[in-house]
Amino acid sequence: MEKADQKKLLQTYQAFPGQFGSIMLGTVSAEGLPQASYAPCVVDDERNIYIFVSGLSAHTQNLSATGKASALFIEDESKTSQIFARKRLSYDCTGSLLPRGSEQWEAIAQQFSERFGNIIKIMIDLPDFRIFQLKPQGGRFVMGFGAAYDIDPSNLDKLIHKSAE
């Protein structure tokens, strides 16, 4: 791949999460039962994903129990030219609860408020709502057929082309 193509690919990868207001979320319970859901999110410059979720939800209970999640950003079906090759970015993540009232919690809550509006002002005061940080540990970025890239766990800016074996 030419250097210009590599640069464009990296720019596309870096910008991809910014197109979304939520993620598809995969978690697993302490008993090993999988659970799929979604959550509105904000993403920081280090690619950490923050979700503001109810303590009553299964994904919150699963994250609290295991600290593991899969986060998926995926192209809308209505915007894809090929349903079998939707653009997507998935991260394998470790999840940790931000302490309510901490400086980081307040800063992330403010970002949620700016992004999602008045609903957040209501939710902030509800005691069961929590903010989790999902920290990527690697993943995969797929641009289409034959264009799949592993994300280097030691450098989230490095994409490694995945060839058919």
N, C-alpha and C. Protein backbone atom coordinates (compact mmCIF):
# COMPACT_ATOMS: atom_id res chain seq x y z
N MET A 1 0.85 -1.17 0.00
CA MET A 1 0.00 0.00 0.00
C MET A 1 0.90 1.24 0.00
N GLU A 2 0.55 2.20 -0.84
CA GLU A 2 1.33 3.43 -0.93
C GLU A 2 1.14 4.26 0.32
N LYS A 3 2.12 5.12 0.58
CA LYS A 3 2.11 5.94 1.78
C LYS A 3 0.86 6.85 1.84
N ALA A 4 0.46 7.42 0.70
CA ALA A 4 -0.74 8.27 0.66
C ALA A 4 -1.98 7.46 1.00
N ASP A 5 -2.06 6.22 0.50
CA ASP A 5 -3.19 5.35 0.80
C ASP A 5 -3.22 4.97 2.28
N GLN A 6 -2.03 4.71 2.85
CA GLN A 6 -1.94 4.38 4.27
C GLN A 6 -2.41 5.56 5.12
N LYS A 7 -2.01 6.76 4.73
CA LYS A 7 -2.40 7.96 5.48
C LYS A 7 -3.91 8.14 5.43
N LYS A 8 -4.51 7.95 4.25
CA LYS A 8 -5.96 8.08 4.10
C LYS A 8 -6.69 7.02 4.92
N LEU A 9 -6.19 5.79 4.90
CA LEU A 9 -6.78 4.71 5.69
C LEU A 9 -6.76 5.06 7.18
N LEU A 10 -5.62 5.54 7.66
CA LEU A 10 -5.48 5.90 9.07
C LEU A 10 -6.42 7.05 9.42
N GLN A 11 -6.56 8.03 8.56
CA GLN A 11 -7.47 9.14 8.80
C GLN A 11 -8.92 8.65 8.85
N THR A 12 -9.28 7.73 7.95
CA THR A 12 -10.63 7.17 7.94
C THR A 12 -10.90 6.42 9.23
N TYR A 13 -9.94 5.61 9.65
CA TYR A 13 -10.05 4.86 10.91
C TYR A 13 -10.22 5.79 12.10
N GLN A 14 -9.38 6.83 12.16
CA GLN A 14 -9.42 7.74 13.30
C GLN A 14 -10.73 8.53 13.37
N ALA A 15 -11.30 8.87 12.21
CA ALA A 15 -12.52 9.66 12.16
C ALA A 15 -13.79 8.82 12.32
N PHE A 16 -13.70 7.53 12.08
CA PHE A 16 -14.88 6.66 12.03
C PHE A 16 -15.76 6.76 13.28
N PRO A 17 -15.23 6.65 14.51
CA PRO A 17 -16.11 6.70 15.69
C PRO A 17 -16.87 8.02 15.83
N GLY A 18 -16.32 9.10 15.29
CA GLY A 18 -16.97 10.40 15.40
C GLY A 18 -18.29 10.50 14.66
N GLN A 19 -18.59 9.53 13.81
CA GLN A 19 -19.84 9.51 13.05
C GLN A 19 -21.02 8.98 13.87
N PHE A 20 -20.73 8.49 15.06
CA PHE A 20 -21.75 7.77 15.82
C PHE A 20 -22.04 8.43 17.16
N GLY A 21 -23.30 8.32 17.57
CA GLY A 21 -23.70 8.78 18.90
C GLY A 21 -23.83 7.64 19.89
N SER A 22 -23.71 6.41 19.37
CA SER A 22 -23.83 5.25 20.26
C SER A 22 -22.98 4.11 19.72
N ILE A 23 -22.79 3.12 20.57
CA ILE A 23 -22.07 1.91 20.19
C ILE A 23 -22.96 0.70 20.42
N MET A 24 -22.70 -0.34 19.64
CA MET A 24 -23.25 -1.65 19.93
C MET A 24 -22.31 -2.24 20.98
N LEU A 25 -22.87 -2.86 21.97
CA LEU A 25 -22.08 -3.29 23.12
C LEU A 25 -22.30 -4.78 23.37
N GLY A 26 -21.21 -5.50 23.47
CA GLY A 26 -21.27 -6.92 23.84
C GLY A 26 -20.62 -7.08 25.20
N THR A 27 -21.35 -7.71 26.12
CA THR A 27 -20.81 -7.99 27.44
C THR A 27 -21.13 -9.43 27.79
N VAL A 28 -20.56 -9.88 28.89
CA VAL A 28 -20.81 -11.24 29.35
C VAL A 28 -21.00 -11.20 30.87
N SER A 29 -21.93 -11.99 31.36
CA SER A 29 -22.21 -12.03 32.80
C SER A 29 -21.13 -12.82 33.52
N ALA A 30 -21.15 -12.77 34.83
CA ALA A 30 -20.22 -13.55 35.65
C ALA A 30 -20.40 -15.04 35.40
N GLU A 31 -21.60 -15.44 34.97
CA GLU A 31 -21.89 -16.85 34.67
C GLU A 31 -21.53 -17.21 33.23
N GLY A 32 -21.04 -16.25 32.47
CA GLY A 32 -20.63 -16.51 31.10
C GLY A 32 -21.73 -16.35 30.06
N LEU A 33 -22.86 -15.76 30.43
CA LEU A 33 -23.95 -15.56 29.48
C LEU A 33 -23.71 -14.28 28.69
N PRO A 34 -23.70 -14.36 27.36
CA PRO A 34 -23.47 -13.16 26.55
C PRO A 34 -24.71 -12.28 26.50
N GLN A 35 -24.48 -11.00 26.28
CA GLN A 35 -25.58 -10.06 26.19
C GLN A 35 -25.21 -8.96 25.21
N ALA A 36 -26.06 -8.70 24.25
CA ALA A 36 -25.85 -7.63 23.27
C ALA A 36 -26.78 -6.47 23.60
N SER A 37 -26.27 -5.27 23.46
CA SER A 37 -27.07 -4.07 23.73
C SER A 37 -26.43 -2.90 23.00
N TYR A 38 -26.82 -1.72 23.38
CA TYR A 38 -26.20 -0.52 22.84
C TYR A 38 -26.17 0.52 23.95
N ALA A 39 -25.36 1.55 23.75
CA ALA A 39 -25.33 2.65 24.70
C ALA A 39 -24.84 3.91 24.01
N PRO A 40 -25.47 5.05 24.29
CA PRO A 40 -24.91 6.31 23.81
C PRO A 40 -23.49 6.46 24.37
N CYS A 41 -22.65 7.16 23.63
CA CYS A 41 -21.25 7.24 24.05
C CYS A 41 -20.60 8.55 23.66
N VAL A 42 -19.49 8.81 24.32
CA VAL A 42 -18.54 9.84 23.89
C VAL A 42 -17.18 9.15 23.85
N VAL A 43 -16.31 9.63 22.95
CA VAL A 43 -14.99 9.03 22.76
C VAL A 43 -13.94 10.12 22.93
N ASP A 44 -12.88 9.82 23.68
CA ASP A 44 -11.82 10.82 23.87
C ASP A 44 -10.70 10.64 22.84
N ASP A 45 -9.68 11.47 22.93
CA ASP A 45 -8.58 11.46 21.96
C ASP A 45 -7.73 10.18 22.02
N GLU A 46 -7.77 9.46 23.12
CA GLU A 46 -7.02 8.20 23.25
C GLU A 46 -7.86 6.99 22.86
N ARG A 47 -9.03 7.25 22.30
CA ARG A 47 -9.99 6.23 21.86
C ARG A 47 -10.73 5.54 23.01
N ASN A 48 -10.61 6.06 24.22
CA ASN A 48 -11.42 5.53 25.31
C ASN A 48 -12.88 5.90 25.02
N ILE A 49 -13.75 4.95 25.28
CA ILE A 49 -15.18 5.12 25.02
C ILE A 49 -15.85 5.22 26.39
N TYR A 50 -16.71 6.21 26.53
CA TYR A 50 -17.44 6.39 27.79
C TYR A 50 -18.92 6.17 27.53
N ILE A 51 -19.54 5.39 28.41
CA ILE A 51 -20.97 5.14 28.32
C ILE A 51 -21.63 5.56 29.64
N PHE A 52 -22.80 6.17 29.53
CA PHE A 52 -23.57 6.65 30.68
C PHE A 52 -24.77 5.73 30.76
N VAL A 53 -24.79 4.83 31.74
CA VAL A 53 -25.76 3.73 31.74
C VAL A 53 -26.43 3.55 33.11
N SER A 54 -27.59 2.95 33.08
CA SER A 54 -28.33 2.65 34.30
C SER A 54 -27.76 1.41 34.99
N GLY A 55 -27.71 1.46 36.29
CA GLY A 55 -27.27 0.31 37.08
C GLY A 55 -28.24 -0.85 36.99
N LEU A 56 -29.44 -0.61 36.47
CA LEU A 56 -30.44 -1.66 36.35
C LEU A 56 -30.25 -2.49 35.08
N SER A 57 -29.46 -1.99 34.14
CA SER A 57 -29.31 -2.69 32.85
C SER A 57 -28.36 -3.88 32.98
N ALA A 58 -28.60 -4.87 32.14
CA ALA A 58 -27.76 -6.07 32.15
C ALA A 58 -26.32 -5.75 31.79
N HIS A 59 -26.10 -4.85 30.81
CA HIS A 59 -24.71 -4.56 30.44
C HIS A 59 -23.94 -3.88 31.57
N THR A 60 -24.62 -3.07 32.37
CA THR A 60 -23.95 -2.44 33.52
C THR A 60 -23.59 -3.50 34.56
N GLN A 61 -24.50 -4.41 34.83
CA GLN A 61 -24.22 -5.48 35.78
C GLN A 61 -23.09 -6.37 35.28
N ASN A 62 -23.09 -6.66 33.97
CA ASN A 62 -22.03 -7.48 33.38
C ASN A 62 -20.67 -6.78 33.46
N LEU A 63 -20.64 -5.50 33.12
CA LEU A 63 -19.37 -4.75 33.20
C LEU A 63 -18.86 -4.70 34.63
N SER A 64 -19.76 -4.53 35.57
CA SER A 64 -19.36 -4.50 36.98
C SER A 64 -18.78 -5.84 37.40
N ALA A 65 -19.34 -6.92 36.89
CA ALA A 65 -18.90 -8.27 37.28
C ALA A 65 -17.61 -8.70 36.59
N THR A 66 -17.46 -8.38 35.30
CA THR A 66 -16.33 -8.92 34.55
C THR A 66 -15.30 -7.89 34.08
N GLY A 67 -15.74 -6.65 33.91
CA GLY A 67 -14.83 -5.61 33.41
C GLY A 67 -14.44 -5.80 31.95
N LYS A 68 -15.23 -6.57 31.20
CA LYS A 68 -14.91 -6.84 29.79
C LYS A 68 -16.08 -6.45 28.90
N ALA A 69 -15.73 -5.90 27.72
CA ALA A 69 -16.76 -5.54 26.75
C ALA A 69 -16.18 -5.51 25.35
N SER A 70 -17.05 -5.68 24.40
CA SER A 70 -16.72 -5.46 23.00
C SER A 70 -17.56 -4.28 22.55
N ALA A 71 -16.92 -3.30 21.91
CA ALA A 71 -17.61 -2.11 21.42
C ALA A 71 -17.58 -2.13 19.90
N LEU A 72 -18.72 -1.90 19.27
CA LEU A 72 -18.82 -1.96 17.81
C LEU A 72 -19.45 -0.68 17.28
N PHE A 73 -18.72 -0.04 16.36
CA PHE A 73 -19.25 1.05 15.55
C PHE A 73 -19.47 0.43 14.17
N ILE A 74 -20.68 0.56 13.62
CA ILE A 74 -20.96 -0.09 12.33
C ILE A 74 -21.79 0.83 11.44
N GLU A 75 -21.40 0.85 10.18
CA GLU A 75 -22.08 1.65 9.17
C GLU A 75 -23.57 1.30 9.11
N ASP A 76 -24.40 2.31 8.98
CA ASP A 76 -25.84 2.14 8.87
C ASP A 76 -26.17 1.29 7.64
N GLU A 77 -27.08 0.36 7.80
CA GLU A 77 -27.50 -0.50 6.68
C GLU A 77 -27.98 0.31 5.49
N SER A 78 -28.66 1.41 5.75
CA SER A 78 -29.22 2.20 4.66
C SER A 78 -28.15 2.96 3.89
N LYS A 79 -26.95 3.03 4.41
CA LYS A 79 -25.87 3.78 3.75
C LYS A 79 -24.84 2.88 3.08
N THR A 80 -24.98 1.59 3.24
CA THR A 80 -23.99 0.68 2.67
C THR A 80 -24.37 0.27 1.26
N SER A 81 -23.36 0.06 0.44
CA SER A 81 -23.64 -0.43 -0.91
C SER A 81 -23.65 -1.96 -0.94
N GLN A 82 -23.11 -2.59 0.11
CA GLN A 82 -23.05 -4.05 0.17
C GLN A 82 -23.27 -4.50 1.62
N ILE A 83 -24.39 -5.12 1.88
CA ILE A 83 -24.76 -5.51 3.24
C ILE A 83 -23.74 -6.46 3.87
N PHE A 84 -23.05 -7.26 3.05
CA PHE A 84 -22.05 -8.19 3.58
C PHE A 84 -20.72 -7.51 3.90
N ALA A 85 -20.59 -6.26 3.54
CA ALA A 85 -19.29 -5.59 3.73
C ALA A 85 -19.46 -4.21 4.36
N ARG A 86 -20.32 -4.12 5.37
CA ARG A 86 -20.50 -2.84 6.06
C ARG A 86 -19.20 -2.43 6.73
N LYS A 87 -18.87 -1.14 6.63
CA LYS A 87 -17.70 -0.62 7.34
C LYS A 87 -17.97 -0.75 8.83
N ARG A 88 -16.94 -1.18 9.56
CA ARG A 88 -17.13 -1.36 11.00
C ARG A 88 -15.80 -1.32 11.74
N LEU A 89 -15.90 -0.93 12.99
CA LEU A 89 -14.76 -0.85 13.89
C LEU A 89 -15.17 -1.51 15.20
N SER A 90 -14.43 -2.54 15.59
CA SER A 90 -14.73 -3.17 16.88
C SER A 90 -13.49 -3.11 17.75
N TYR A 91 -13.72 -2.87 19.01
CA TYR A 91 -12.65 -2.85 20.00
C TYR A 91 -12.94 -3.88 21.09
N ASP A 92 -11.91 -4.58 21.51
CA ASP A 92 -11.96 -5.40 22.71
C ASP A 92 -11.56 -4.47 23.85
N CYS A 93 -12.39 -4.36 24.86
CA CYS A 93 -12.18 -3.34 25.89
C CYS A 93 -12.17 -3.91 27.30
N THR A 94 -11.47 -3.20 28.16
CA THR A 94 -11.63 -3.39 29.60
C THR A 94 -12.48 -2.23 30.09
N GLY A 95 -13.39 -2.52 30.98
CA GLY A 95 -14.30 -1.49 31.47
C GLY A 95 -14.07 -1.19 32.93
N SER A 96 -14.10 0.08 33.26
CA SER A 96 -13.98 0.48 34.66
C SER A 96 -14.95 1.61 34.96
N LEU A 97 -15.48 1.58 36.15
CA LEU A 97 -16.45 2.57 36.61
C LEU A 97 -15.72 3.83 37.04
N LEU A 98 -16.18 4.98 36.55
CA LEU A 98 -15.61 6.24 37.02
C LEU A 98 -16.29 6.60 38.34
N PRO A 99 -15.50 7.00 39.34
CA PRO A 99 -16.11 7.38 40.62
C PRO A 99 -16.99 8.63 40.46
N ARG A 100 -18.25 8.49 40.86
CA ARG A 100 -19.19 9.62 40.76
C ARG A 100 -18.65 10.80 41.55
N GLY A 101 -18.73 11.97 40.93
CA GLY A 101 -18.26 13.18 41.60
C GLY A 101 -16.79 13.48 41.40
N SER A 102 -16.04 12.52 40.84
CA SER A 102 -14.61 12.79 40.59
C SER A 102 -14.48 13.81 39.47
N GLU A 103 -13.30 14.40 39.34
CA GLU A 103 -13.05 15.38 38.29
C GLU A 103 -13.30 14.78 36.90
N GLN A 104 -12.84 13.54 36.70
CA GLN A 104 -13.04 12.89 35.41
C GLN A 104 -14.52 12.62 35.16
N TRP A 105 -15.25 12.16 36.19
CA TRP A 105 -16.68 11.90 36.04
C TRP A 105 -17.40 13.18 35.64
N GLU A 106 -17.08 14.28 36.30
CA GLU A 106 -17.72 15.57 36.01
C GLU A 106 -17.43 16.02 34.58
N ALA A 107 -16.19 15.86 34.14
CA ALA A 107 -15.80 16.27 32.78
C ALA A 107 -16.52 15.44 31.73
N ILE A 108 -16.61 14.13 31.95
CA ILE A 108 -17.28 13.26 30.98
C ILE A 108 -18.79 13.51 31.01
N ALA A 109 -19.37 13.72 32.19
CA ALA A 109 -20.80 14.04 32.29
C ALA A 109 -21.11 15.33 31.52
N GLN A 110 -20.21 16.29 31.57
CA GLN A 110 -20.39 17.54 30.83
C GLN A 110 -20.37 17.29 29.32
N GLN A 111 -19.47 16.41 28.89
CA GLN A 111 -19.43 16.06 27.46
C GLN A 111 -20.73 15.39 27.02
N PHE A 112 -21.27 14.51 27.86
CA PHE A 112 -22.55 13.88 27.55
C PHE A 112 -23.66 14.94 27.45
N SER A 113 -23.65 15.88 28.37
CA SER A 113 -24.65 16.93 28.39
C SER A 113 -24.57 17.79 27.12
N GLU A 114 -23.36 18.13 26.72
CA GLU A 114 -23.16 18.94 25.51
C GLU A 114 -23.60 18.17 24.26
N ARG A 115 -23.36 16.90 24.26
CA ARG A 115 -23.67 16.10 23.07
C ARG A 115 -25.13 15.68 22.97
N PHE A 116 -25.74 15.35 24.11
CA PHE A 116 -27.08 14.76 24.08
C PHE A 116 -28.17 15.63 24.70
N GLY A 117 -27.82 16.77 25.25
CA GLY A 117 -28.81 17.74 25.69
C GLY A 117 -29.43 17.49 27.05
N ASN A 118 -30.66 18.00 27.19
CA ASN A 118 -31.34 18.08 28.49
C ASN A 118 -31.58 16.74 29.17
N ILE A 119 -31.71 15.66 28.42
CA ILE A 119 -31.95 14.35 29.04
C ILE A 119 -30.84 14.00 30.03
N ILE A 120 -29.62 14.42 29.73
CA ILE A 120 -28.48 14.11 30.60
C ILE A 120 -28.62 14.85 31.93
N LYS A 121 -29.12 16.07 31.90
CA LYS A 121 -29.31 16.84 33.14
C LYS A 121 -30.25 16.11 34.09
N ILE A 122 -31.23 15.43 33.54
CA ILE A 122 -32.15 14.64 34.36
C ILE A 122 -31.45 13.39 34.88
N MET A 123 -30.73 12.70 33.99
CA MET A 123 -30.09 11.43 34.36
C MET A 123 -28.95 11.60 35.36
N ILE A 124 -28.26 12.72 35.31
CA ILE A 124 -27.13 12.95 36.22
C ILE A 124 -27.57 12.85 37.67
N ASP A 125 -28.78 13.31 37.96
CA ASP A 125 -29.28 13.30 39.34
C ASP A 125 -29.84 11.96 39.79
N LEU A 126 -30.00 11.03 38.85
CA LEU A 126 -30.52 9.72 39.23
C LEU A 126 -29.38 8.86 39.77
N PRO A 127 -29.52 8.32 40.98
CA PRO A 127 -28.40 7.62 41.62
C PRO A 127 -27.96 6.32 40.95
N ASP A 128 -28.85 5.72 40.12
CA ASP A 128 -28.46 4.45 39.50
C ASP A 128 -27.65 4.64 38.22
N PHE A 129 -27.54 5.86 37.70
CA PHE A 129 -26.77 6.07 36.47
C PHE A 129 -25.28 6.19 36.76
N ARG A 130 -24.51 5.53 35.92
CA ARG A 130 -23.06 5.43 36.10
C ARG A 130 -22.35 5.72 34.78
N ILE A 131 -21.10 6.10 34.90
CA ILE A 131 -20.27 6.28 33.72
C ILE A 131 -19.15 5.24 33.76
N PHE A 132 -19.07 4.46 32.69
CA PHE A 132 -17.99 3.50 32.53
C PHE A 132 -17.03 4.00 31.46
N GLN A 133 -15.77 3.76 31.69
CA GLN A 133 -14.74 3.97 30.68
C GLN A 133 -14.42 2.61 30.07
N LEU A 134 -14.55 2.53 28.75
CA LEU A 134 -14.16 1.32 28.02
C LEU A 134 -12.84 1.62 27.34
N LYS A 135 -11.79 0.94 27.78
CA LYS A 135 -10.44 1.18 27.28
C LYS A 135 -10.07 0.12 26.26
N PRO A 136 -9.91 0.51 24.97
CA PRO A 136 -9.58 -0.47 23.94
C PRO A 136 -8.25 -1.18 24.20
N GLN A 137 -8.26 -2.49 23.95
CA GLN A 137 -7.06 -3.32 24.11
C GLN A 137 -6.64 -3.93 22.77
N GLY A 138 -7.20 -3.43 21.69
CA GLY A 138 -6.99 -3.96 20.36
C GLY A 138 -8.35 -4.05 19.68
N GLY A 139 -8.35 -4.54 18.45
CA GLY A 139 -9.62 -4.68 17.76
C GLY A 139 -9.43 -4.90 16.28
N ARG A 140 -10.44 -4.51 15.52
CA ARG A 140 -10.42 -4.72 14.06
C ARG A 140 -11.21 -3.61 13.38
N PHE A 141 -10.64 -3.14 12.26
CA PHE A 141 -11.29 -2.14 11.42
C PHE A 141 -11.50 -2.75 10.05
N VAL A 142 -12.75 -2.77 9.58
CA VAL A 142 -13.08 -3.38 8.30
C VAL A 142 -13.67 -2.30 7.39
N MET A 143 -13.03 -2.14 6.23
CA MET A 143 -13.48 -1.16 5.24
C MET A 143 -14.32 -1.82 4.14
N GLY A 144 -14.25 -3.14 4.02
CA GLY A 144 -15.00 -3.85 2.99
C GLY A 144 -14.32 -5.18 2.70
N PHE A 145 -14.73 -5.82 1.63
CA PHE A 145 -14.14 -7.11 1.25
C PHE A 145 -12.64 -6.95 1.04
N GLY A 146 -11.86 -7.82 1.67
CA GLY A 146 -10.40 -7.80 1.52
C GLY A 146 -9.72 -6.61 2.16
N ALA A 147 -10.45 -5.84 2.92
CA ALA A 147 -9.89 -4.65 3.56
C ALA A 147 -10.16 -4.68 5.05
N ALA A 148 -9.60 -5.70 5.70
CA ALA A 148 -9.74 -5.86 7.15
C ALA A 148 -8.38 -5.63 7.78
N TYR A 149 -8.38 -4.92 8.91
CA TYR A 149 -7.14 -4.56 9.57
C TYR A 149 -7.27 -4.82 11.06
N ASP A 150 -6.30 -5.56 11.61
CA ASP A 150 -6.23 -5.69 13.05
C ASP A 150 -5.66 -4.40 13.61
N ILE A 151 -6.06 -4.05 14.81
CA ILE A 151 -5.55 -2.88 15.49
C ILE A 151 -4.54 -3.36 16.51
N ASP A 152 -3.33 -2.87 16.38
CA ASP A 152 -2.22 -3.28 17.24
C ASP A 152 -2.53 -2.93 18.70
N PRO A 153 -2.60 -3.92 19.59
CA PRO A 153 -2.91 -3.65 21.00
C PRO A 153 -1.88 -2.73 21.69
N SER A 154 -0.64 -2.73 21.20
CA SER A 154 0.38 -1.89 21.83
C SER A 154 0.43 -0.49 21.22
N ASN A 155 -0.28 -0.27 20.11
CA ASN A 155 -0.32 1.03 19.46
C ASN A 155 -1.64 1.13 18.69
N LEU A 156 -2.64 1.74 19.29
CA LEU A 156 -3.97 1.79 18.69
C LEU A 156 -4.01 2.59 17.39
N ASP A 157 -2.91 3.27 17.04
CA ASP A 157 -2.81 3.99 15.77
C ASP A 157 -2.27 3.11 14.65
N LYS A 158 -1.88 1.89 14.96
CA LYS A 158 -1.28 1.01 13.96
C LYS A 158 -2.28 -0.02 13.48
N LEU A 159 -2.50 -0.04 12.16
CA LEU A 159 -3.39 -1.01 11.54
C LEU A 159 -2.55 -2.04 10.81
N ILE A 160 -2.90 -3.30 11.01
CA ILE A 160 -2.17 -4.42 10.40
C ILE A 160 -3.12 -5.13 9.45
N HIS A 161 -2.79 -5.10 8.15
CA HIS A 161 -3.67 -5.72 7.15
C HIS A 161 -3.85 -7.21 7.44
N LYS A 162 -5.09 -7.64 7.42
CA LYS A 162 -5.44 -9.04 7.67
C LYS A 162 -5.71 -9.67 6.32
N SER A 163 -4.86 -10.60 5.92
CA SER A 163 -5.05 -11.26 4.62
C SER A 163 -5.74 -12.61 4.82
N ALA A 164 -6.40 -13.06 3.77
CA ALA A 164 -7.06 -14.38 3.80
C ALA A 164 -6.00 -15.46 3.91
N GLU A 165 -6.31 -16.45 4.70
CA GLU A 165 -5.33 -17.52 4.91
C GLU A 165 -5.81 -18.81 4.32
